[in-house]
Amino acid sequence: MYQPVTLEVCANSVTSAIAAQQGGAVRIELCENLNEAGTTPSYGQIILTRRLLEIKVYTLIRPRGGDFLYTDYEFEIMLADINNCINAGCDGVVIGMLKKDGSIDKDRSGILADLARKHGLGVTFHRAFDICSDYYQALEDIIDIGCERILTSGGKTTAMEGAGTIAHLVEKAAGRISIMAGSGINENNVGDLVRFTGINEIHTSAKVRNQSRMDYHNEHIMMGNRYHDLYTFESTDIERVKEILAKANGQ
């Protein structure tokens, strides 16, 4: 039986989340700092997004950029952030923790997942999976933890580069967990990716660059990353969401 491909949008703001919903996404992964591969959004972003959206809201639980080997303090932050998501009425959380040897930190990831599931929230395991040492053992570990899906690029920078591994993961998963492809997916490659891998869930930011509406520009200053343009910002585009979803379903 044909199963339509669904789209999750990686939304970096309330504005992006609304665009995702209007474009036809079934779910968002709410986060901030996409230039660091995403971090946990502010409580204000979570509360307002949940209030305004009818589709599912999953929140990224990641206290910082960098690797996925966390201290005890960072683990406590993640527990607190999941409790915030529970109180805010989120539908799910997105987690991932590794050990030094690149294996899944089953104990602490399991605690996070159990906390969320105890309160009725779904759990996605994020792209920490892509830097683990053994994808197929990690697949079994994440299934044991009780996650409902894995977000992956197949261990490569983009999902197109990792398409072979994604296809093998879909086969190995055998319906026990959903494999959701993400990273570098756009309207030009999503159709080929879906046909090759057999996935039925895709993840993309579908973003565009917006110009600042300010009239005055101080051209003598940089803030934060030296390559960051202070007078532009990125957000999800409704039409790109629609087009990616249509191409994923062969339209």
C-alpha atoms as a PDB file:
ATOM      1  CA  MET A   1       0.000   0.000   0.000  1.00  0.00           C
ATOM      2  CA  TYR A   2       1.326   3.447  -0.927  1.00  0.00           C
ATOM      3  CA  GLN A   3       2.381   5.493   2.069  1.00  0.00           C
ATOM      4  CA  PRO A   4       2.802   9.219   1.416  1.00  0.00           C
ATOM      5  CA  VAL A   5       6.078  10.854   2.392  1.00  0.00           C
ATOM      6  CA  THR A   6       5.674  13.257   5.292  1.00  0.00           C
ATOM      7  CA  LEU A   7       7.771  16.298   6.021  1.00  0.00           C
ATOM      8  CA  GLU A   8       9.258  17.548   9.277  1.00  0.00           C
ATOM      9  CA  VAL A   9      10.650  21.079   9.172  1.00  0.00           C
ATOM     10  CA  CYS A  10      13.620  22.136  11.236  1.00  0.00           C
ATOM     11  CA  ALA A  11      12.191  25.468  12.404  1.00  0.00           C
ATOM     12  CA  ASN A  12      14.568  28.048  13.886  1.00  0.00           C
ATOM     13  CA  SER A  13      11.848  30.409  15.109  1.00  0.00           C
ATOM     14  CA  VAL A  14       8.129  30.885  15.641  1.00  0.00           C
ATOM     15  CA  THR A  15       8.000  32.501  12.192  1.00  0.00           C
ATOM     16  CA  SER A  16       9.609  29.448  10.589  1.00  0.00           C
ATOM     17  CA  ALA A  17       7.261  27.140  12.481  1.00  0.00           C
ATOM     18  CA  ILE A  18       4.204  28.958  11.154  1.00  0.00           C
ATOM     19  CA  ALA A  19       5.589  28.797   7.610  1.00  0.00           C
ATOM     20  CA  ALA A  20       6.161  25.051   8.037  1.00  0.00           C
ATOM     21  CA  GLN A  21       2.556  24.524   9.055  1.00  0.00           C
ATOM     22  CA  GLN A  22       1.212  26.630   6.212  1.00  0.00           C
ATOM     23  CA  GLY A  23       3.397  24.725   3.748  1.00  0.00           C
ATOM     24  CA  GLY A  24       2.051  21.316   4.748  1.00  0.00           C
ATOM     25  CA  ALA A  25       4.570  19.927   7.238  1.00  0.00           C
ATOM     26  CA  VAL A  26       3.187  17.411   9.723  1.00  0.00           C
ATOM     27  CA  ARG A  27       5.679  18.284  12.432  1.00  0.00           C
ATOM     28  CA  ILE A  28       8.427  20.720  13.323  1.00  0.00           C
ATOM     29  CA  GLU A  29      11.675  20.284  15.163  1.00  0.00           C
ATOM     30  CA  LEU A  30      11.931  23.590  17.021  1.00  0.00           C
ATOM     31  CA  CYS A  31      15.478  24.774  17.615  1.00  0.00           C
ATOM     32  CA  GLU A  32      17.801  27.773  17.508  1.00  0.00           C
ATOM     33  CA  ASN A  33      21.348  28.361  16.189  1.00  0.00           C
ATOM     34  CA  LEU A  34      21.177  26.357  12.978  1.00  0.00           C
ATOM     35  CA  ASN A  35      24.731  27.488  12.198  1.00  0.00           C
ATOM     36  CA  GLU A  36      25.783  25.204  15.091  1.00  0.00           C
ATOM     37  CA  ALA A  37      23.524  22.358  13.883  1.00  0.00           C
ATOM     38  CA  GLY A  38      20.840  23.473  16.344  1.00  0.00           C
ATOM     39  CA  THR A  39      20.492  24.044  20.071  1.00  0.00           C
ATOM     40  CA  THR A  40      17.552  24.091  22.475  1.00  0.00           C
ATOM     41  CA  PRO A  41      15.278  27.079  21.819  1.00  0.00           C
ATOM     42  CA  SER A  42      14.253  29.562  24.485  1.00  0.00           C
ATOM     43  CA  TYR A  43      11.251  28.812  26.647  1.00  0.00           C
ATOM     44  CA  GLY A  44       9.505  31.794  25.075  1.00  0.00           C
ATOM     45  CA  GLN A  45       9.949  30.302  21.602  1.00  0.00           C
ATOM     46  CA  ILE A  46       8.561  26.991  22.816  1.00  0.00           C
ATOM     47  CA  ILE A  47       5.533  28.478  24.551  1.00  0.00           C
ATOM     48  CA  LEU A  48       4.512  30.754  21.681  1.00  0.00           C
ATOM     49  CA  THR A  49       5.117  28.110  19.025  1.00  0.00           C
ATOM     50  CA  ARG A  50       2.985  25.594  20.896  1.00  0.00           C
ATOM     51  CA  ARG A  51       0.232  28.183  21.289  1.00  0.00           C
ATOM     52  CA  LEU A  52       0.158  29.077  17.594  1.00  0.00           C
ATOM     53  CA  LEU A  53       0.623  25.696  15.910  1.00  0.00           C
ATOM     54  CA  GLU A  54      -1.844  22.903  15.300  1.00  0.00           C
ATOM     55  CA  ILE A  55       0.744  20.462  13.899  1.00  0.00           C
ATOM     56  CA  LYS A  56       3.093  18.521  16.149  1.00  0.00           C
ATOM     57  CA  VAL A  57       5.858  20.403  17.949  1.00  0.00           C
ATOM     58  CA  TYR A  58       9.024  18.490  18.804  1.00  0.00           C
ATOM     59  CA  THR A  59      11.749  20.444  20.596  1.00  0.00           C
ATOM     60  CA  LEU A  60      15.470  19.881  20.213  1.00  0.00           C
ATOM     61  CA  ILE A  61      17.187  19.060  23.510  1.00  0.00           C
ATOM     62  CA  ARG A  62      20.795  20.088  22.933  1.00  0.00           C
ATOM     63  CA  PRO A  63      22.419  22.460  25.434  1.00  0.00           C
ATOM     64  CA  ARG A  64      25.337  23.522  23.210  1.00  0.00           C
ATOM     65  CA  GLY A  65      26.987  23.097  19.836  1.00  0.00           C
ATOM     66  CA  GLY A  66      29.884  20.745  19.273  1.00  0.00           C
ATOM     67  CA  ASP A  67      29.971  17.041  20.062  1.00  0.00           C
ATOM     68  CA  PHE A  68      27.415  14.887  21.875  1.00  0.00           C
ATOM     69  CA  LEU A  69      29.518  13.819  24.868  1.00  0.00           C
ATOM     70  CA  TYR A  70      27.920  15.645  27.764  1.00  0.00           C
ATOM     71  CA  THR A  71      28.913  16.456  31.333  1.00  0.00           C
ATOM     72  CA  ASP A  72      26.694  15.740  34.323  1.00  0.00           C
ATOM     73  CA  TYR A  73      25.779  19.430  34.458  1.00  0.00           C
ATOM     74  CA  GLU A  74      24.712  19.386  30.810  1.00  0.00           C
ATOM     75  CA  PHE A  75      22.667  16.253  31.449  1.00  0.00           C
ATOM     76  CA  GLU A  76      20.837  18.047  34.256  1.00  0.00           C
ATOM     77  CA  ILE A  77      20.104  20.916  31.861  1.00  0.00           C
ATOM     78  CA  MET A  78      18.636  18.458  29.365  1.00  0.00           C
ATOM     79  CA  LEU A  79      16.378  16.936  32.008  1.00  0.00           C
ATOM     80  CA  ALA A  80      15.178  20.414  32.983  1.00  0.00           C
ATOM     81  CA  ASP A  81      14.559  21.313  29.341  1.00  0.00           C
ATOM     82  CA  ILE A  82      12.469  18.180  28.816  1.00  0.00           C
ATOM     83  CA  ASN A  83      10.398  19.109  31.862  1.00  0.00           C
ATOM     84  CA  ASN A  84       9.872  22.546  30.311  1.00  0.00           C
ATOM     85  CA  CYS A  85       8.665  20.865  27.120  1.00  0.00           C
ATOM     86  CA  ILE A  86       6.289  18.682  29.098  1.00  0.00           C
ATOM     87  CA  ASN A  87       4.870  21.711  30.895  1.00  0.00           C
ATOM     88  CA  ALA A  88       4.578  23.642  27.622  1.00  0.00           C
ATOM     89  CA  GLY A  89       2.491  20.893  26.018  1.00  0.00           C
ATOM     90  CA  CYS A  90       4.986  19.845  23.347  1.00  0.00           C
ATOM     91  CA  ASP A  91       4.281  16.658  21.409  1.00  0.00           C
ATOM     92  CA  GLY A  92       7.819  15.350  21.581  1.00  0.00           C
ATOM     93  CA  VAL A  93      11.525  15.945  22.083  1.00  0.00           C
ATOM     94  CA  VAL A  94      14.632  15.308  20.010  1.00  0.00           C
ATOM     95  CA  ILE A  95      17.576  13.855  21.935  1.00  0.00           C
ATOM     96  CA  GLY A  96      20.948  12.161  21.520  1.00  0.00           C
ATOM     97  CA  MET A  97      23.947  11.360  23.711  1.00  0.00           C
ATOM     98  CA  LEU A  98      27.145   9.446  22.936  1.00  0.00           C
ATOM     99  CA  LYS A  99      29.969   7.904  24.950  1.00  0.00           C
ATOM    100  CA  LYS A 100      33.658   8.612  24.418  1.00  0.00           C
ATOM    101  CA  ASP A 101      34.049   5.553  22.204  1.00  0.00           C
ATOM    102  CA  GLY A 102      31.327   6.740  19.832  1.00  0.00           C
ATOM    103  CA  SER A 103      28.672   4.324  21.059  1.00  0.00           C
ATOM    104  CA  ILE A 104      25.194   5.385  22.128  1.00  0.00           C
ATOM    105  CA  ASP A 105      24.943   6.474  25.751  1.00  0.00           C
ATOM    106  CA  LYS A 106      22.032   4.133  26.382  1.00  0.00           C
ATOM    107  CA  ASP A 107      21.772   4.791  30.097  1.00  0.00           C
ATOM    108  CA  ARG A 108      21.432   8.562  29.997  1.00  0.00           C
ATOM    109  CA  SER A 109      19.635   8.724  26.636  1.00  0.00           C
ATOM    110  CA  GLY A 110      17.243   6.156  28.069  1.00  0.00           C
ATOM    111  CA  ILE A 111      16.561   8.340  31.107  1.00  0.00           C
ATOM    112  CA  LEU A 112      15.737  11.284  28.853  1.00  0.00           C
ATOM    113  CA  ALA A 113      13.497   9.158  26.649  1.00  0.00           C
ATOM    114  CA  ASP A 114      11.723   7.580  29.614  1.00  0.00           C
ATOM    115  CA  LEU A 115      10.997  10.988  31.143  1.00  0.00           C
ATOM    116  CA  ALA A 116       9.451  12.208  27.910  1.00  0.00           C
ATOM    117  CA  ARG A 117       7.467   9.048  27.172  1.00  0.00           C
ATOM    118  CA  LYS A 118       6.137   8.863  30.743  1.00  0.00           C
ATOM    119  CA  HIS A 119       4.342  12.130  30.027  1.00  0.00           C
ATOM    120  CA  GLY A 120       3.091  11.098  26.598  1.00  0.00           C
ATOM    121  CA  LEU A 121       5.751  12.781  24.453  1.00  0.00           C
ATOM    122  CA  GLY A 122       7.310  11.139  21.417  1.00  0.00           C
ATOM    123  CA  VAL A 123      11.094  10.845  21.100  1.00  0.00           C
ATOM    124  CA  THR A 124      13.338  11.286  18.064  1.00  0.00           C
ATOM    125  CA  PHE A 125      17.048  10.453  18.201  1.00  0.00           C
ATOM    126  CA  HIS A 126      18.932  13.181  16.335  1.00  0.00           C
ATOM    127  CA  ARG A 127      22.070  13.286  14.200  1.00  0.00           C
ATOM    128  CA  ALA A 128      24.361  12.338  17.048  1.00  0.00           C
ATOM    129  CA  PHE A 129      23.642   9.030  15.337  1.00  0.00           C
ATOM    130  CA  ASP A 130      25.705  10.191  12.345  1.00  0.00           C
ATOM    131  CA  ILE A 131      28.929  10.407  14.320  1.00  0.00           C
ATOM    132  CA  CYS A 132      28.569   7.148  16.233  1.00  0.00           C
ATOM    133  CA  SER A 133      31.107   4.366  15.702  1.00  0.00           C
ATOM    134  CA  ASP A 134      28.735   1.597  14.563  1.00  0.00           C
ATOM    135  CA  TYR A 135      25.482   2.596  12.857  1.00  0.00           C
ATOM    136  CA  TYR A 136      23.864  -0.817  13.018  1.00  0.00           C
ATOM    137  CA  GLN A 137      24.592  -1.402  16.706  1.00  0.00           C
ATOM    138  CA  ALA A 138      23.401   2.152  17.355  1.00  0.00           C
ATOM    139  CA  LEU A 139      20.171   1.345  15.507  1.00  0.00           C
ATOM    140  CA  GLU A 140      19.487  -1.544  17.900  1.00  0.00           C
ATOM    141  CA  ASP A 141      20.423   0.542  20.946  1.00  0.00           C
ATOM    142  CA  ILE A 142      18.084   3.365  19.948  1.00  0.00           C
ATOM    143  CA  ILE A 143      15.251   0.911  19.365  1.00  0.00           C
ATOM    144  CA  ASP A 144      15.897  -0.485  22.865  1.00  0.00           C
ATOM    145  CA  ILE A 145      15.736   3.017  24.335  1.00  0.00           C
ATOM    146  CA  GLY A 146      12.234   3.418  22.927  1.00  0.00           C
ATOM    147  CA  CYS A 147      12.696   6.169  20.360  1.00  0.00           C
ATOM    148  CA  GLU A 148      10.181   6.317  17.521  1.00  0.00           C
ATOM    149  CA  ARG A 149      12.542   7.574  14.812  1.00  0.00           C
ATOM    150  CA  ILE A 150      16.150   8.328  13.944  1.00  0.00           C
ATOM    151  CA  LEU A 151      17.134  11.470  12.066  1.00  0.00           C
ATOM    152  CA  THR A 152      20.152  10.698   9.905  1.00  0.00           C
ATOM    153  CA  SER A 153      22.169  11.732   6.893  1.00  0.00           C
ATOM    154  CA  GLY A 154      23.660   8.255   6.681  1.00  0.00           C
ATOM    155  CA  GLY A 155      26.855   9.346   8.387  1.00  0.00           C
ATOM    156  CA  LYS A 156      27.735  11.844   5.671  1.00  0.00           C
ATOM    157  CA  THR A 157      27.488  15.622   5.409  1.00  0.00           C
ATOM    158  CA  THR A 158      24.301  15.368   3.333  1.00  0.00           C
ATOM    159  CA  ALA A 159      21.606  12.731   3.023  1.00  0.00           C
ATOM    160  CA  MET A 160      22.319  12.357  -0.694  1.00  0.00           C
ATOM    161  CA  GLU A 161      25.924  11.415   0.080  1.00  0.00           C
ATOM    162  CA  GLY A 162      24.747   8.953   2.734  1.00  0.00           C
ATOM    163  CA  ALA A 163      21.839   7.548   0.713  1.00  0.00           C
ATOM    164  CA  GLY A 164      23.317   4.044   0.546  1.00  0.00           C
ATOM    165  CA  THR A 165      23.598   3.795   4.326  1.00  0.00           C
ATOM    166  CA  ILE A 166      20.114   5.280   4.772  1.00  0.00           C
ATOM    167  CA  ALA A 167      18.686   2.602   2.481  1.00  0.00           C
ATOM    168  CA  HIS A 168      20.440  -0.132   4.489  1.00  0.00           C
ATOM    169  CA  LEU A 169      19.133   1.351   7.750  1.00  0.00           C
ATOM    170  CA  VAL A 170      15.577   1.310   6.418  1.00  0.00           C
ATOM    171  CA  GLU A 171      16.062  -2.364   5.558  1.00  0.00           C
ATOM    172  CA  LYS A 172      17.619  -3.219   8.935  1.00  0.00           C
ATOM    173  CA  ALA A 173      14.969  -1.292  10.858  1.00  0.00           C
ATOM    174  CA  ALA A 174      12.259  -3.424   9.208  1.00  0.00           C
ATOM    175  CA  GLY A 175       9.482  -1.196  10.521  1.00  0.00           C
ATOM    176  CA  ARG A 176      10.647  -1.317  14.135  1.00  0.00           C
ATOM    177  CA  ILE A 177      11.605   2.373  14.038  1.00  0.00           C
ATOM    178  CA  SER A 178      11.245   5.085  11.417  1.00  0.00           C
ATOM    179  CA  ILE A 179      14.347   6.278   9.579  1.00  0.00           C
ATOM    180  CA  MET A 180      14.000   9.968   8.725  1.00  0.00           C
ATOM    181  CA  ALA A 181      16.505  11.428   6.263  1.00  0.00           C
ATOM    182  CA  GLY A 182      17.827  14.928   6.818  1.00  0.00           C
ATOM    183  CA  SER A 183      20.607  17.342   5.789  1.00  0.00           C
ATOM    184  CA  GLY A 184      20.901  19.012   2.428  1.00  0.00           C
ATOM    185  CA  ILE A 185      17.474  17.886   1.241  1.00  0.00           C
ATOM    186  CA  ASN A 186      15.827  20.272  -1.210  1.00  0.00           C
ATOM    187  CA  GLU A 187      13.317  20.398  -4.035  1.00  0.00           C
ATOM    188  CA  ASN A 188      15.941  19.291  -6.552  1.00  0.00           C
ATOM    189  CA  ASN A 189      17.066  16.057  -4.899  1.00  0.00           C
ATOM    190  CA  VAL A 190      14.261  14.872  -2.624  1.00  0.00           C
ATOM    191  CA  GLY A 191      12.499  12.783  -5.288  1.00  0.00           C
ATOM    192  CA  ASP A 192      15.621  10.801  -6.094  1.00  0.00           C
ATOM    193  CA  LEU A 193      16.424  10.328  -2.414  1.00  0.00           C
ATOM    194  CA  VAL A 194      12.972   8.959  -1.620  1.00  0.00           C
ATOM    195  CA  ARG A 195      13.019   6.552  -4.564  1.00  0.00           C
ATOM    196  CA  PHE A 196      16.498   5.245  -3.769  1.00  0.00           C
ATOM    197  CA  THR A 197      16.193   4.836   0.005  1.00  0.00           C
ATOM    198  CA  GLY A 198      12.542   3.944   0.530  1.00  0.00           C
ATOM    199  CA  ILE A 199      12.153   6.493   3.332  1.00  0.00           C
ATOM    200  CA  ASN A 200       8.747   7.971   4.090  1.00  0.00           C
ATOM    201  CA  GLU A 201       9.857  10.771   6.415  1.00  0.00           C
ATOM    202  CA  ILE A 202      12.090  13.667   5.425  1.00  0.00           C
ATOM    203  CA  HIS A 203      13.552  16.549   7.402  1.00  0.00           C
ATOM    204  CA  THR A 204      14.562  19.933   6.016  1.00  0.00           C
ATOM    205  CA  SER A 205      14.731  23.575   7.049  1.00  0.00           C
ATOM    206  CA  ALA A 206      13.437  24.794   3.646  1.00  0.00           C
ATOM    207  CA  LYS A 207      14.960  28.127   4.511  1.00  0.00           C
ATOM    208  CA  VAL A 208      15.637  31.303   2.576  1.00  0.00           C
ATOM    209  CA  ARG A 209      17.779  34.314   3.405  1.00  0.00           C
ATOM    210  CA  ASN A 210      15.900  37.484   4.339  1.00  0.00           C
ATOM    211  CA  GLN A 211      17.208  41.024   4.169  1.00  0.00           C
ATOM    212  CA  SER A 212      16.926  43.297   7.191  1.00  0.00           C
ATOM    213  CA  ARG A 213      14.206  45.950   7.049  1.00  0.00           C
ATOM    214  CA  MET A 214      16.439  48.478   8.786  1.00  0.00           C
ATOM    215  CA  ASP A 215      17.198  51.668   6.862  1.00  0.00           C
ATOM    216  CA  TYR A 216      20.401  52.466   8.743  1.00  0.00           C
ATOM    217  CA  HIS A 217      23.366  50.068   8.473  1.00  0.00           C
ATOM    218  CA  ASN A 218      26.602  50.382  10.434  1.00  0.00           C
ATOM    219  CA  GLU A 219      29.096  48.955   7.947  1.00  0.00           C
ATOM    220  CA  HIS A 220      32.044  49.150  10.387  1.00  0.00           C
ATOM    221  CA  ILE A 221      31.071  46.392  12.800  1.00  0.00           C
ATOM    222  CA  MET A 222      30.796  42.615  12.987  1.00  0.00           C
ATOM    223  CA  MET A 223      29.108  40.640  15.766  1.00  0.00           C
ATOM    224  CA  GLY A 224      29.576  36.996  16.654  1.00  0.00           C
ATOM    225  CA  ASN A 225      30.848  34.911  13.755  1.00  0.00           C
ATOM    226  CA  ARG A 226      32.981  37.162  11.570  1.00  0.00           C
ATOM    227  CA  TYR A 227      31.353  35.698   8.473  1.00  0.00           C
ATOM    228  CA  HIS A 228      27.859  36.435   9.704  1.00  0.00           C
ATOM    229  CA  ASP A 229      25.974  39.228   7.946  1.00  0.00           C
ATOM    230  CA  LEU A 230      24.308  41.275  10.668  1.00  0.00           C
ATOM    231  CA  TYR A 231      21.663  42.535   8.244  1.00  0.00           C
ATOM    232  CA  THR A 232      20.357  39.187   7.001  1.00  0.00           C
ATOM    233  CA  PHE A 233      18.639  36.264   8.694  1.00  0.00           C
ATOM    234  CA  GLU A 234      17.260  32.891   7.632  1.00  0.00           C
ATOM    235  CA  SER A 235      13.760  31.500   8.011  1.00  0.00           C
ATOM    236  CA  THR A 236      11.600  28.732   6.555  1.00  0.00           C
ATOM    237  CA  ASP A 237       9.818  29.560   3.303  1.00  0.00           C
ATOM    238  CA  ILE A 238       6.219  28.403   2.769  1.00  0.00           C
ATOM    239  CA  GLU A 239       6.594  27.828  -0.968  1.00  0.00           C
ATOM    240  CA  ARG A 240       9.784  25.795  -0.543  1.00  0.00           C
ATOM    241  CA  VAL A 241       8.029  23.585   2.014  1.00  0.00           C
ATOM    242  CA  LYS A 242       5.184  22.991  -0.451  1.00  0.00           C
ATOM    243  CA  GLU A 243       7.514  22.219  -3.334  1.00  0.00           C
ATOM    244  CA  ILE A 244       9.770  19.839  -1.386  1.00  0.00           C
ATOM    245  CA  LEU A 245       6.735  17.959  -0.098  1.00  0.00           C
ATOM    246  CA  ALA A 246       5.243  17.725  -3.579  1.00  0.00           C
ATOM    247  CA  LYS A 247       8.492  16.486  -5.143  1.00  0.00           C
ATOM    248  CA  ALA A 248       8.920  13.926  -2.344  1.00  0.00           C
ATOM    249  CA  ASN A 249       5.566  12.462  -3.330  1.00  0.00           C
ATOM    250  CA  GLY A 250       6.289  12.429  -7.050  1.00  0.00           C
ATOM    251  CA  GLN A 251       4.101  15.373  -7.963  1.00  0.00           C
END
